[in-house]
Amino acid sequence: GEKVSVLWCALDEPLSDVVRRFQTEGADPSLVYVLEPPATVLAIATAAARLGVAVVVIDAISDLAAREIGDENDALSVKRLLSPLRDLARTRDIAVVLLHHTNKAARKSRGSGVFEEMADLILTLTIDKDPTVRKVTAEGRVGVESYRLRWTPDGLELADHEASTLELVRSLIRQTPGCSARSLRGKVGKRY
């Protein structure tokens, strides 16, 4: 697949942890830009435009909300916070990924319901029975199936047998770089 550049807004963890995780997962350092606190929506939008990135990740939106609006439960304030990010996505054709914490009881986004209302896709990460596995539940305007991830010494891998099609596609691409989509569909179709 095409490699794209990412602006990672590291608001929730130390820079050293972010760098270590990217190295573990094999991220291309020439494609990852990190914005550290204090960050504002304006600083994020300015950096994204200047760098020409394809993806912006804000980790975590609650840290940005605390700095910019104070109360993440106030719907109008949250809408004012998120609207420029939605505009950034639309006008610059950038994927904006907001990492957010859930409440303990309902496993829904903490704070105002506007966080979920304005999202095209919500992926909720929960702990599985196996402490090395995380279940990812998908809901929203975009059709995505739920799946499970396993933490390994080499990083994350898909844990579900049903999700193995994605892993198979990745493996085939690694084995035959430059293969055509038709060839890939044929190889995947033979096994499924």
C-alpha atoms as a PDB file:
ATOM      1  CA  GLY A   1       0.000   0.000   0.000  1.00  0.00           C
ATOM      2  CA  GLU A   2       0.859   3.612  -0.295  1.00  0.00           C
ATOM      3  CA  LYS A   3       2.804   5.048   2.623  1.00  0.00           C
ATOM      4  CA  VAL A   4       1.405   8.274   4.042  1.00  0.00           C
ATOM      5  CA  SER A   5       2.715  10.827   6.496  1.00  0.00           C
ATOM      6  CA  VAL A   6       1.223  11.167   9.975  1.00  0.00           C
ATOM      7  CA  LEU A   7       1.127  13.992  12.500  1.00  0.00           C
ATOM      8  CA  TRP A   8       0.897  12.400  15.961  1.00  0.00           C
ATOM      9  CA  CYS A   9      -0.162  14.815  18.698  1.00  0.00           C
ATOM     10  CA  ALA A  10       1.330  13.184  21.802  1.00  0.00           C
ATOM     11  CA  LEU A  11      -0.680  14.832  24.555  1.00  0.00           C
ATOM     12  CA  ASP A  12      -1.285  11.795  26.775  1.00  0.00           C
ATOM     13  CA  GLU A  13       2.125  10.151  27.174  1.00  0.00           C
ATOM     14  CA  PRO A  14       5.831  10.963  27.245  1.00  0.00           C
ATOM     15  CA  LEU A  15       7.583  11.446  23.918  1.00  0.00           C
ATOM     16  CA  SER A  16      10.007   8.597  24.728  1.00  0.00           C
ATOM     17  CA  ASP A  17       7.065   6.137  24.967  1.00  0.00           C
ATOM     18  CA  VAL A  18       5.679   7.331  21.635  1.00  0.00           C
ATOM     19  CA  VAL A  19       9.046   6.966  19.906  1.00  0.00           C
ATOM     20  CA  ARG A  20       9.616   3.490  21.391  1.00  0.00           C
ATOM     21  CA  ARG A  21       6.168   2.322  20.217  1.00  0.00           C
ATOM     22  CA  PHE A  22       6.746   3.622  16.680  1.00  0.00           C
ATOM     23  CA  GLN A  23      10.128   1.867  16.561  1.00  0.00           C
ATOM     24  CA  THR A  24       8.595  -1.403  17.823  1.00  0.00           C
ATOM     25  CA  GLU A  25       5.863  -1.254  15.175  1.00  0.00           C
ATOM     26  CA  GLY A  26       8.370  -0.455  12.408  1.00  0.00           C
ATOM     27  CA  ALA A  27       7.097   3.039  11.578  1.00  0.00           C
ATOM     28  CA  ASP A  28       9.085   4.947   8.960  1.00  0.00           C
ATOM     29  CA  PRO A  29      10.565   7.904  10.890  1.00  0.00           C
ATOM     30  CA  SER A  30      10.581  10.038   7.752  1.00  0.00           C
ATOM     31  CA  LEU A  31       6.770   9.831   7.657  1.00  0.00           C
ATOM     32  CA  VAL A  32       5.931  10.449  11.332  1.00  0.00           C
ATOM     33  CA  TYR A  33       5.870  13.927  12.853  1.00  0.00           C
ATOM     34  CA  VAL A  34       5.232  14.358  16.592  1.00  0.00           C
ATOM     35  CA  LEU A  35       3.626  17.431  18.126  1.00  0.00           C
ATOM     36  CA  GLU A  36       4.114  17.662  21.878  1.00  0.00           C
ATOM     37  CA  PRO A  37       2.157  19.616  24.491  1.00  0.00           C
ATOM     38  CA  PRO A  38       1.095  22.265  24.764  1.00  0.00           C
ATOM     39  CA  ALA A  39      -0.909  21.817  21.578  1.00  0.00           C
ATOM     40  CA  THR A  40      -3.985  23.693  20.450  1.00  0.00           C
ATOM     41  CA  VAL A  41      -6.429  23.012  17.644  1.00  0.00           C
ATOM     42  CA  LEU A  42      -4.872  25.943  15.769  1.00  0.00           C
ATOM     43  CA  ALA A  43      -1.337  24.544  16.245  1.00  0.00           C
ATOM     44  CA  ILE A  44      -2.484  21.110  15.058  1.00  0.00           C
ATOM     45  CA  ALA A  45      -4.218  22.497  11.953  1.00  0.00           C
ATOM     46  CA  THR A  46      -1.247  24.735  11.143  1.00  0.00           C
ATOM     47  CA  ALA A  47       1.261  21.878  11.502  1.00  0.00           C
ATOM     48  CA  ALA A  48      -0.908  19.486   9.446  1.00  0.00           C
ATOM     49  CA  ALA A  49      -1.186  22.017   6.608  1.00  0.00           C
ATOM     50  CA  ARG A  50       2.519  22.964   6.711  1.00  0.00           C
ATOM     51  CA  LEU A  51       3.681  19.329   6.743  1.00  0.00           C
ATOM     52  CA  GLY A  52       1.110  18.131   4.199  1.00  0.00           C
ATOM     53  CA  VAL A  53       0.244  15.033   6.224  1.00  0.00           C
ATOM     54  CA  ALA A  54      -2.493  12.573   5.281  1.00  0.00           C
ATOM     55  CA  VAL A  55      -3.381  11.563   8.848  1.00  0.00           C
ATOM     56  CA  VAL A  56      -3.600  13.473  12.133  1.00  0.00           C
ATOM     57  CA  VAL A  57      -3.814  11.497  15.390  1.00  0.00           C
ATOM     58  CA  ILE A  58      -4.679  13.293  18.627  1.00  0.00           C
ATOM     59  CA  ASP A  59      -3.740  11.217  21.679  1.00  0.00           C
ATOM     60  CA  ALA A  60      -5.858  11.961  23.656  1.00  0.00           C
ATOM     61  CA  ILE A  61      -8.646  14.353  22.755  1.00  0.00           C
ATOM     62  CA  SER A  62      -9.505  14.701  26.462  1.00  0.00           C
ATOM     63  CA  ASP A  63      -6.127  16.382  27.053  1.00  0.00           C
ATOM     64  CA  LEU A  64      -6.813  18.846  24.250  1.00  0.00           C
ATOM     65  CA  ALA A  65     -10.337  19.442  25.585  1.00  0.00           C
ATOM     66  CA  ALA A  66      -9.036  20.094  29.100  1.00  0.00           C
ATOM     67  CA  ARG A  67      -6.609  22.691  27.753  1.00  0.00           C
ATOM     68  CA  GLU A  68      -8.987  24.392  25.298  1.00  0.00           C
ATOM     69  CA  ILE A  69     -12.499  24.142  26.747  1.00  0.00           C
ATOM     70  CA  GLY A  70     -12.178  22.824  30.291  1.00  0.00           C
ATOM     71  CA  ASP A  71     -15.382  20.754  30.482  1.00  0.00           C
ATOM     72  CA  GLU A  72     -15.602  17.793  28.114  1.00  0.00           C
ATOM     73  CA  ASN A  73     -19.220  17.268  29.212  1.00  0.00           C
ATOM     74  CA  ASP A  74     -20.428  20.580  27.744  1.00  0.00           C
ATOM     75  CA  ALA A  75     -21.884  19.691  24.325  1.00  0.00           C
ATOM     76  CA  LEU A  76     -21.596  23.171  22.799  1.00  0.00           C
ATOM     77  CA  SER A  77     -17.963  23.547  23.897  1.00  0.00           C
ATOM     78  CA  VAL A  78     -17.074  20.097  22.560  1.00  0.00           C
ATOM     79  CA  LYS A  79     -18.731  20.915  19.230  1.00  0.00           C
ATOM     80  CA  ARG A  80     -16.694  24.142  19.043  1.00  0.00           C
ATOM     81  CA  LEU A  81     -13.532  22.144  19.791  1.00  0.00           C
ATOM     82  CA  LEU A  82     -14.212  19.424  17.210  1.00  0.00           C
ATOM     83  CA  SER A  83     -15.623  21.559  14.375  1.00  0.00           C
ATOM     84  CA  PRO A  84     -12.230  22.948  13.253  1.00  0.00           C
ATOM     85  CA  LEU A  85     -10.860  19.378  13.228  1.00  0.00           C
ATOM     86  CA  ARG A  86     -13.767  18.224  11.065  1.00  0.00           C
ATOM     87  CA  ASP A  87     -13.145  21.229   8.782  1.00  0.00           C
ATOM     88  CA  LEU A  88      -9.454  20.274   8.600  1.00  0.00           C
ATOM     89  CA  ALA A  89     -10.434  16.759   7.513  1.00  0.00           C
ATOM     90  CA  ARG A  90     -12.827  18.022   4.862  1.00  0.00           C
ATOM     91  CA  THR A  91     -10.836  20.901   3.387  1.00  0.00           C
ATOM     92  CA  ARG A  92      -7.428  19.190   3.358  1.00  0.00           C
ATOM     93  CA  ASP A  93      -8.665  15.606   2.781  1.00  0.00           C
ATOM     94  CA  ILE A  94      -6.923  14.498   5.980  1.00  0.00           C
ATOM     95  CA  ALA A  95      -7.999  11.580   8.145  1.00  0.00           C
ATOM     96  CA  VAL A  96      -8.365  12.865  11.705  1.00  0.00           C
ATOM     97  CA  VAL A  97      -8.155  10.169  14.379  1.00  0.00           C
ATOM     98  CA  LEU A  98      -9.151  11.125  17.907  1.00  0.00           C
ATOM     99  CA  LEU A  99      -8.088   8.817  20.717  1.00  0.00           C
ATOM    100  CA  HIS A 100     -10.435   9.128  23.672  1.00  0.00           C
ATOM    101  CA  HIS A 101     -11.094   7.319  26.926  1.00  0.00           C
ATOM    102  CA  THR A 102     -14.319   5.490  27.742  1.00  0.00           C
ATOM    103  CA  ASN A 103     -16.363   5.731  30.873  1.00  0.00           C
ATOM    104  CA  LYS A 104     -16.066   2.661  33.092  1.00  0.00           C
ATOM    105  CA  ALA A 105     -19.754   1.717  33.191  1.00  0.00           C
ATOM    106  CA  ALA A 106     -21.126   1.953  29.659  1.00  0.00           C
ATOM    107  CA  ARG A 107     -17.899   1.644  27.632  1.00  0.00           C
ATOM    108  CA  LYS A 108     -18.905   4.757  25.715  1.00  0.00           C
ATOM    109  CA  SER A 109     -16.852   7.898  25.124  1.00  0.00           C
ATOM    110  CA  ARG A 110     -16.307   9.847  28.280  1.00  0.00           C
ATOM    111  CA  GLY A 111     -17.812  13.332  28.310  1.00  0.00           C
ATOM    112  CA  SER A 112     -20.344  14.811  25.906  1.00  0.00           C
ATOM    113  CA  GLY A 113     -22.153  12.621  23.379  1.00  0.00           C
ATOM    114  CA  VAL A 114     -20.921  15.059  20.717  1.00  0.00           C
ATOM    115  CA  PHE A 115     -17.619  13.137  20.626  1.00  0.00           C
ATOM    116  CA  GLU A 116     -19.509  10.159  19.180  1.00  0.00           C
ATOM    117  CA  GLU A 117     -22.064  12.143  17.166  1.00  0.00           C
ATOM    118  CA  MET A 118     -19.391  13.877  15.106  1.00  0.00           C
ATOM    119  CA  ALA A 119     -17.392  10.701  14.400  1.00  0.00           C
ATOM    120  CA  ASP A 120     -17.689   8.724  11.165  1.00  0.00           C
ATOM    121  CA  LEU A 121     -16.315   5.616  12.857  1.00  0.00           C
ATOM    122  CA  ILE A 122     -15.892   4.684  16.517  1.00  0.00           C
ATOM    123  CA  LEU A 123     -13.492   1.907  17.454  1.00  0.00           C
ATOM    124  CA  THR A 124     -13.778   0.883  21.107  1.00  0.00           C
ATOM    125  CA  LEU A 125     -10.882  -1.036  22.619  1.00  0.00           C
ATOM    126  CA  THR A 126     -11.727  -3.344  25.554  1.00  0.00           C
ATOM    127  CA  ILE A 127      -9.732  -5.928  27.490  1.00  0.00           C
ATOM    128  CA  ASP A 128     -10.475  -9.520  26.513  1.00  0.00           C
ATOM    129  CA  LYS A 129     -10.464 -12.536  28.852  1.00  0.00           C
ATOM    130  CA  ASP A 130      -6.866 -13.081  27.738  1.00  0.00           C
ATOM    131  CA  PRO A 131      -4.869 -10.144  29.177  1.00  0.00           C
ATOM    132  CA  THR A 132      -2.713  -9.975  26.019  1.00  0.00           C
ATOM    133  CA  VAL A 133      -5.776  -9.486  23.781  1.00  0.00           C
ATOM    134  CA  ARG A 134      -7.831  -6.377  23.109  1.00  0.00           C
ATOM    135  CA  LYS A 135     -11.224  -6.494  21.414  1.00  0.00           C
ATOM    136  CA  VAL A 136     -11.897  -3.708  18.935  1.00  0.00           C
ATOM    137  CA  THR A 137     -15.606  -3.062  18.420  1.00  0.00           C
ATOM    138  CA  ALA A 138     -16.521  -0.939  15.419  1.00  0.00           C
ATOM    139  CA  GLU A 139     -19.639   1.169  14.907  1.00  0.00           C
ATOM    140  CA  GLY A 140     -20.547   4.190  12.838  1.00  0.00           C
ATOM    141  CA  ARG A 141     -21.264   5.404   9.321  1.00  0.00           C
ATOM    142  CA  VAL A 142     -18.478   3.297   7.836  1.00  0.00           C
ATOM    143  CA  GLY A 143     -18.943  -0.475   7.724  1.00  0.00           C
ATOM    144  CA  VAL A 144     -16.088  -2.144   9.598  1.00  0.00           C
ATOM    145  CA  GLU A 145     -16.185  -5.511  11.336  1.00  0.00           C
ATOM    146  CA  SER A 146     -15.070  -5.889  14.931  1.00  0.00           C
ATOM    147  CA  TYR A 147     -11.799  -7.733  15.532  1.00  0.00           C
ATOM    148  CA  ARG A 148      -9.260  -8.615  18.230  1.00  0.00           C
ATOM    149  CA  LEU A 149      -5.588  -7.655  18.576  1.00  0.00           C
ATOM    150  CA  ARG A 150      -2.884  -9.522  20.484  1.00  0.00           C
ATOM    151  CA  TRP A 151       0.138  -7.840  22.093  1.00  0.00           C
ATOM    152  CA  THR A 152       3.319  -9.744  21.244  1.00  0.00           C
ATOM    153  CA  PRO A 153       7.014  -8.980  21.819  1.00  0.00           C
ATOM    154  CA  ASP A 154       7.103  -7.847  18.173  1.00  0.00           C
ATOM    155  CA  GLY A 155       4.086  -5.518  18.484  1.00  0.00           C
ATOM    156  CA  LEU A 156       0.432  -6.015  17.635  1.00  0.00           C
ATOM    157  CA  GLU A 157      -1.038  -8.770  15.502  1.00  0.00           C
ATOM    158  CA  LEU A 158      -4.554  -9.821  14.637  1.00  0.00           C
ATOM    159  CA  ALA A 159      -5.851 -12.386  17.136  1.00  0.00           C
ATOM    160  CA  ASP A 160      -9.049 -13.594  15.469  1.00  0.00           C
ATOM    161  CA  HIS A 161      -9.062 -16.503  13.094  1.00  0.00           C
ATOM    162  CA  GLU A 162     -11.886 -14.714  11.207  1.00  0.00           C
ATOM    163  CA  ALA A 163      -9.688 -11.653  10.763  1.00  0.00           C
ATOM    164  CA  SER A 164      -6.921 -13.725   9.195  1.00  0.00           C
ATOM    165  CA  THR A 165      -7.890 -12.516   5.698  1.00  0.00           C
ATOM    166  CA  LEU A 166      -6.299  -9.147   6.454  1.00  0.00           C
ATOM    167  CA  GLU A 167      -3.175 -10.854   7.769  1.00  0.00           C
ATOM    168  CA  LEU A 168      -3.112 -13.080   4.677  1.00  0.00           C
ATOM    169  CA  VAL A 169      -3.324 -10.031   2.398  1.00  0.00           C
ATOM    170  CA  ARG A 170      -0.481  -8.340   4.302  1.00  0.00           C
ATOM    171  CA  SER A 171       1.613 -11.489   4.099  1.00  0.00           C
ATOM    172  CA  LEU A 172       1.007 -11.869   0.353  1.00  0.00           C
ATOM    173  CA  ILE A 173       1.937  -8.235  -0.260  1.00  0.00           C
ATOM    174  CA  ARG A 174       5.180  -8.706   1.719  1.00  0.00           C
ATOM    175  CA  GLN A 175       5.979 -11.902  -0.232  1.00  0.00           C
ATOM    176  CA  THR A 176       5.202 -10.438  -3.658  1.00  0.00           C
ATOM    177  CA  PRO A 177       5.811  -6.678  -3.645  1.00  0.00           C
ATOM    178  CA  GLY A 178       4.215  -4.948  -6.609  1.00  0.00           C
ATOM    179  CA  CYS A 179       1.638  -7.680  -7.206  1.00  0.00           C
ATOM    180  CA  SER A 180      -1.556  -6.526  -8.891  1.00  0.00           C
ATOM    181  CA  ALA A 181      -4.903  -6.262  -7.119  1.00  0.00           C
ATOM    182  CA  ARG A 182      -6.261  -8.959  -9.473  1.00  0.00           C
ATOM    183  CA  SER A 183      -3.429 -11.330  -8.550  1.00  0.00           C
ATOM    184  CA  LEU A 184      -3.976 -10.612  -4.858  1.00  0.00           C
ATOM    185  CA  ARG A 185      -7.740 -11.248  -5.125  1.00  0.00           C
ATOM    186  CA  GLY A 186      -7.018 -14.539  -6.878  1.00  0.00           C
ATOM    187  CA  LYS A 187      -4.607 -15.710  -4.188  1.00  0.00           C
ATOM    188  CA  VAL A 188      -6.904 -14.707  -1.329  1.00  0.00           C
ATOM    189  CA  GLY A 189      -9.953 -16.226  -3.077  1.00  0.00           C
ATOM    190  CA  LYS A 190      -8.256 -19.622  -3.370  1.00  0.00           C
ATOM    191  CA  ARG A 191      -7.968 -19.891   0.395  1.00  0.00           C
ATOM    192  CA  TYR A 192     -11.367 -18.416   1.381  1.00  0.00           C
END
